[in-house]
Amino acid sequence: MEIFLLILFGLLGGILGGMGMGGGTLLIPLLTIFAKISQIESQAINLIAFIPMAIIALIIHTKNKLVNFKVSIPLVITGVIFSVLGSMLANSLNALTLKVLFGIFLVALGLFQIGSLFFFKKDEKQ
């Protein structure tokens, strides 16, 4: 049963990751809640799973001319630098604190997404 759950979680995370929505937002809670894997271990698994998913998605989005490298390069450089700091911070926190902070992040992200429907309306064609 456990392998079936892991395959299902990979499928769901892969679909969201391929769409550019961050599969880890879903994968980490699935691993911690249903597979009973610790928060820090779930985050590490997510990072390993993210690498091949991101490469494939990037190839497809680049092929479809959806990647703006002028915008992407500064984001990548900054992201790489601060990922080191984030990793060090995550390793210095206990599991409960990390889980609470991740939960707060997910709630804030959800509220922002709901709020953006009303406050940041875009052209319907986009």
Protein backbone atom coordinates (compact mmCIF):
# COMPACT_ATOMS: atom_id res chain seq x y z
CA MET A 1 0.00 0.00 0.00
CA GLU A 2 2.81 2.40 0.85
CA ILE A 3 4.42 2.19 -2.60
CA PHE A 4 1.03 2.94 -4.18
CA LEU A 5 0.71 6.07 -2.02
CA LEU A 6 4.21 7.21 -2.92
CA ILE A 7 3.50 6.74 -6.64
CA LEU A 8 0.22 8.64 -6.27
CA PHE A 9 1.97 11.46 -4.38
CA GLY A 10 4.66 11.58 -7.09
CA LEU A 11 1.97 11.79 -9.75
CA LEU A 12 0.19 14.67 -8.02
CA GLY A 13 3.42 16.50 -7.23
CA GLY A 14 4.65 16.00 -10.78
CA ILE A 15 1.49 17.41 -12.32
CA LEU A 16 1.60 20.50 -10.11
CA GLY A 17 5.36 20.89 -10.58
CA GLY A 18 5.02 20.57 -14.35
CA MET A 19 2.39 23.27 -14.34
CA GLY A 20 4.81 25.54 -12.49
CA MET A 21 2.79 25.60 -9.27
CA GLY A 22 5.32 23.93 -7.03
CA GLY A 23 4.55 20.28 -6.44
CA GLY A 24 6.19 20.46 -3.02
CA THR A 25 3.33 22.58 -1.74
CA LEU A 26 1.24 19.44 -2.01
CA LEU A 27 3.91 16.74 -1.78
CA ILE A 28 5.30 17.76 1.62
CA PRO A 29 1.94 17.69 3.45
CA LEU A 30 1.05 14.38 1.76
CA LEU A 31 4.32 12.80 2.89
CA THR A 32 4.07 14.11 6.46
CA ILE A 33 0.36 13.38 7.00
CA PHE A 34 -0.24 10.14 5.12
CA ALA A 35 3.20 8.54 4.79
CA LYS A 36 4.19 9.57 8.35
CA ILE A 37 7.56 10.93 7.17
CA SER A 38 9.14 13.70 9.26
CA GLN A 39 8.87 17.30 8.08
CA ILE A 40 12.59 17.76 7.40
CA GLU A 41 12.85 14.41 5.63
CA SER A 42 9.76 15.25 3.53
CA GLN A 43 11.32 18.54 2.52
CA ALA A 44 14.55 16.76 1.53
CA ILE A 45 12.62 14.15 -0.47
CA ASN A 46 10.72 16.95 -2.18
CA LEU A 47 13.98 18.62 -3.19
CA ILE A 48 15.32 15.40 -4.71
CA ALA A 49 12.03 14.74 -6.52
CA PHE A 50 11.92 18.34 -7.73
CA ILE A 51 15.19 18.17 -9.70
CA PRO A 52 14.08 15.80 -12.51
CA MET A 53 10.55 17.27 -12.56
CA ALA A 54 11.95 20.79 -12.93
CA ILE A 55 14.36 19.75 -15.69
CA ILE A 56 11.62 18.13 -17.77
CA ALA A 57 9.19 21.03 -17.19
CA LEU A 58 11.91 23.56 -18.07
CA ILE A 59 12.72 21.73 -21.32
CA ILE A 60 9.05 21.69 -22.33
CA HIS A 61 8.41 25.33 -21.34
CA THR A 62 11.60 26.47 -23.11
CA LYS A 63 10.61 24.53 -26.23
CA ASN A 64 7.24 26.32 -26.15
CA LYS A 65 9.05 29.67 -25.75
CA LEU A 66 7.49 30.35 -22.36
CA VAL A 67 10.73 31.01 -20.46
CA ASN A 68 11.94 34.60 -20.19
CA PHE A 69 15.63 34.18 -19.43
CA LYS A 70 16.12 37.91 -18.89
CA VAL A 71 13.79 37.71 -15.91
CA SER A 72 14.80 34.18 -14.87
CA ILE A 73 18.56 34.63 -14.47
CA PRO A 74 18.45 37.16 -11.58
CA LEU A 75 15.78 35.05 -9.85
CA VAL A 76 17.87 31.89 -10.21
CA ILE A 77 21.04 33.51 -8.89
CA THR A 78 19.27 35.04 -5.91
CA GLY A 79 17.33 31.83 -5.28
CA VAL A 80 20.47 29.69 -5.27
CA ILE A 81 22.21 32.01 -2.81
CA PHE A 82 19.28 32.13 -0.41
CA SER A 83 18.53 28.42 -0.73
CA VAL A 84 21.80 27.84 1.13
CA LEU A 85 20.61 30.12 3.93
CA GLY A 86 17.17 28.49 3.94
CA SER A 87 18.68 25.02 4.16
CA MET A 88 20.86 26.07 7.06
CA LEU A 89 17.84 27.61 8.80
CA ALA A 90 15.71 24.48 8.25
CA ASN A 91 18.46 22.29 9.70
CA SER A 92 18.75 24.48 12.78
CA LEU A 93 15.03 24.29 13.63
CA ASN A 94 13.34 21.43 15.44
CA ALA A 95 10.76 19.36 13.53
CA LEU A 96 7.71 20.92 15.22
CA THR A 97 8.83 24.49 14.56
CA LEU A 98 9.57 23.65 10.93
CA LYS A 99 6.16 22.01 10.54
CA VAL A 100 4.37 25.02 12.09
CA LEU A 101 6.29 27.50 9.91
CA PHE A 102 5.51 25.47 6.78
CA GLY A 103 1.83 25.33 7.78
CA ILE A 104 1.75 29.11 8.27
CA PHE A 105 3.38 29.51 4.87
CA LEU A 106 0.73 27.31 3.22
CA VAL A 107 -2.14 29.17 4.89
CA ALA A 108 -0.66 32.55 3.92
CA LEU A 109 -0.14 31.32 0.35
CA GLY A 110 -3.74 30.10 0.17
CA LEU A 111 -5.09 33.39 1.52
CA PHE A 112 -2.96 35.32 -0.96
CA GLN A 113 -4.23 33.17 -3.83
CA ILE A 114 -7.85 33.73 -2.78
CA GLY A 115 -7.24 37.46 -2.30
CA SER A 116 -5.58 37.74 -5.70
CA LEU A 117 -8.81 36.60 -7.33
CA PHE A 118 -10.48 39.76 -6.08
CA PHE A 119 -7.71 42.35 -5.86
CA PHE A 120 -5.38 41.56 -8.76
CA LYS A 121 -7.78 40.92 -11.62
CA LYS A 122 -6.04 40.43 -14.94
CA ASP A 123 -7.27 40.61 -18.46
CA GLU A 124 -9.47 37.57 -19.17
CA LYS A 125 -7.32 36.69 -22.22
CA GLN A 126 -4.30 36.02 -19.98
